[in-house]
C-alpha atoms as a PDB file:
ATOM      1  CA  MET A   1       0.256  29.462 -37.743  1.00  0.00           C
ATOM      2  CA  TYR A   2      -0.620  25.912 -37.991  1.00  0.00           C
ATOM      3  CA  VAL A   3      -3.814  24.230 -36.994  1.00  0.00           C
ATOM      4  CA  VAL A   4      -3.273  20.492 -35.633  1.00  0.00           C
ATOM      5  CA  SER A   5      -5.548  18.320 -33.797  1.00  0.00           C
ATOM      6  CA  ILE A   6      -5.856  16.342 -31.116  1.00  0.00           C
ATOM      7  CA  ASP A   7      -6.089  12.707 -30.814  1.00  0.00           C
ATOM      8  CA  LYS A   8      -8.525  11.122 -28.769  1.00  0.00           C
ATOM      9  CA  ARG A   9      -5.712  10.353 -26.103  1.00  0.00           C
ATOM     10  CA  GLY A  10      -4.997  14.079 -25.916  1.00  0.00           C
ATOM     11  CA  ARG A  11      -1.889  14.042 -27.725  1.00  0.00           C
ATOM     12  CA  ILE A  12      -1.225  17.059 -30.221  1.00  0.00           C
ATOM     13  CA  LEU A  13       1.174  16.409 -33.630  1.00  0.00           C
ATOM     14  CA  LEU A  14       3.428  19.173 -34.646  1.00  0.00           C
ATOM     15  CA  PRO A  15       3.829  19.805 -37.937  1.00  0.00           C
ATOM     16  CA  SER A  16       7.367  19.033 -39.425  1.00  0.00           C
ATOM     17  CA  GLU A  17       8.423  22.644 -40.023  1.00  0.00           C
ATOM     18  CA  VAL A  18       7.147  23.506 -36.499  1.00  0.00           C
ATOM     19  CA  ARG A  19       9.161  20.705 -35.123  1.00  0.00           C
ATOM     20  CA  LYS A  20      13.102  21.798 -37.602  1.00  0.00           C
ATOM     21  CA  ARG A  21      11.739  25.551 -36.137  1.00  0.00           C
ATOM     22  CA  ILE A  22      12.045  25.222 -32.982  1.00  0.00           C
ATOM     23  CA  GLY A  23      14.799  22.100 -32.955  1.00  0.00           C
ATOM     24  CA  VAL A  24      12.908  19.677 -31.429  1.00  0.00           C
ATOM     25  CA  LYS A  25      13.184  16.194 -32.356  1.00  0.00           C
ATOM     26  CA  GLU A  26      11.670  12.434 -31.093  1.00  0.00           C
ATOM     27  CA  ARG A  27      11.889  12.312 -27.363  1.00  0.00           C
ATOM     28  CA  SER A  28      12.896  16.429 -27.182  1.00  0.00           C
ATOM     29  CA  LYS A  29      11.342  17.910 -23.494  1.00  0.00           C
ATOM     30  CA  LEU A  30       9.113  20.871 -24.046  1.00  0.00           C
ATOM     31  CA  ALA A  31       7.791  23.237 -21.173  1.00  0.00           C
ATOM     32  CA  LEU A  32       3.781  23.881 -21.866  1.00  0.00           C
ATOM     33  CA  ARG A  33       2.554  26.916 -20.223  1.00  0.00           C
ATOM     34  CA  VAL A  34      -1.151  28.187 -19.649  1.00  0.00           C
ATOM     35  CA  ARG A  35      -0.948  32.071 -19.675  1.00  0.00           C
ATOM     36  CA  ASP A  36      -4.004  33.855 -17.986  1.00  0.00           C
ATOM     37  CA  ASP A  37      -4.856  35.249 -21.033  1.00  0.00           C
ATOM     38  CA  GLY A  38      -5.799  31.403 -22.030  1.00  0.00           C
ATOM     39  CA  VAL A  39      -2.744  31.388 -24.810  1.00  0.00           C
ATOM     40  CA  VAL A  40      -0.941  28.238 -24.764  1.00  0.00           C
ATOM     41  CA  GLU A  41       3.322  28.248 -25.222  1.00  0.00           C
ATOM     42  CA  LEU A  42       5.014  25.753 -25.889  1.00  0.00           C
ATOM     43  CA  ILE A  43       9.285  26.079 -25.109  1.00  0.00           C
ATOM     44  CA  SER A  44      12.284  23.793 -26.043  1.00  0.00           C
ATOM     45  CA  LEU A  45      13.476  22.965 -22.996  1.00  0.00           C
ATOM     46  CA  ASP A  46      16.999  22.407 -24.926  1.00  0.00           C
ATOM     47  CA  LYS A  47      16.718  25.645 -26.026  1.00  0.00           C
ATOM     48  CA  LEU A  48      15.808  27.243 -22.633  1.00  0.00           C
ATOM     49  CA  ARG A  49      18.880  25.301 -21.190  1.00  0.00           C
ATOM     50  CA  ASP A  50      21.341  26.546 -23.995  1.00  0.00           C
ATOM     51  CA  GLU A  51      20.163  30.145 -23.382  1.00  0.00           C
ATOM     52  CA  VAL A  52      20.403  29.963 -19.567  1.00  0.00           C
ATOM     53  CA  ALA A  53      24.178  28.348 -20.174  1.00  0.00           C
ATOM     54  CA  LYS A  54      24.922  31.353 -22.007  1.00  0.00           C
ATOM     55  CA  VAL A  55      23.613  34.094 -19.643  1.00  0.00           C
ATOM     56  CA  PHE A  56      25.561  31.927 -16.487  1.00  0.00           C
ATOM     57  CA  GLU A  57      28.883  32.268 -18.862  1.00  0.00           C
ATOM     58  CA  GLU A  58      28.371  35.486 -19.675  1.00  0.00           C
ATOM     59  CA  LYS A  59      27.768  37.249 -15.867  1.00  0.00           C
ATOM     60  CA  PHE A  60      30.631  34.882 -14.817  1.00  0.00           C
ATOM     61  CA  LYS A  61      33.340  35.477 -17.676  1.00  0.00           C
ATOM     62  CA  GLY A  62      36.651  35.359 -16.135  1.00  0.00           C
ATOM     63  CA  TRP A  63      35.025  34.679 -12.234  1.00  0.00           C
ATOM     64  CA  ARG A  64      37.718  32.948 -10.139  1.00  0.00           C
ATOM     65  CA  GLU A  65      36.189  30.967  -6.805  1.00  0.00           C
ATOM     66  CA  GLU A  66      39.791  32.936  -5.150  1.00  0.00           C
ATOM     67  CA  ASP A  67      38.657  36.004  -5.937  1.00  0.00           C
ATOM     68  CA  HIS A  68      35.143  35.583  -3.938  1.00  0.00           C
ATOM     69  CA  GLU A  69      34.802  37.102  -0.656  1.00  0.00           C
ATOM     70  CA  ALA A  70      33.186  34.169   1.045  1.00  0.00           C
ATOM     71  CA  SER A  71      36.720  32.116  -0.568  1.00  0.00           C
ATOM     72  CA  LYS A  72      38.660  34.706   1.142  1.00  0.00           C
ATOM     73  CA  LEU A  73      36.845  34.916   4.507  1.00  0.00           C
ATOM     74  CA  LEU A  74      37.281  30.670   4.684  1.00  0.00           C
ATOM     75  CA  SER A  75      41.098  31.182   3.230  1.00  0.00           C
ATOM     76  CA  GLU A  76      41.961  33.311   6.546  1.00  0.00           C
ATOM     77  CA  ILE A  77      39.680  31.371   8.936  1.00  0.00           C
ATOM     78  CA  VAL A  78      41.401  27.864   8.307  1.00  0.00           C
ATOM     79  CA  SER A  79      44.705  29.531   8.267  1.00  0.00           C
END
């Protein structure tokens, strides 16, 4: 756990150890979410993007458009 301060403009300085741990650099984008229980969560959009890409890569591994039912139907209509 870290204790941070908020400046008069509402900015929070994240300690360097936290930035390294979550992989953010200057100009990185973070998603901020406030849960119903008042807990604030920061999520690195780069990390989130990488995780989503990994899920899609695994889900669609070996997928071929020509094997898709819609592609087959379109091919039959066009022929």
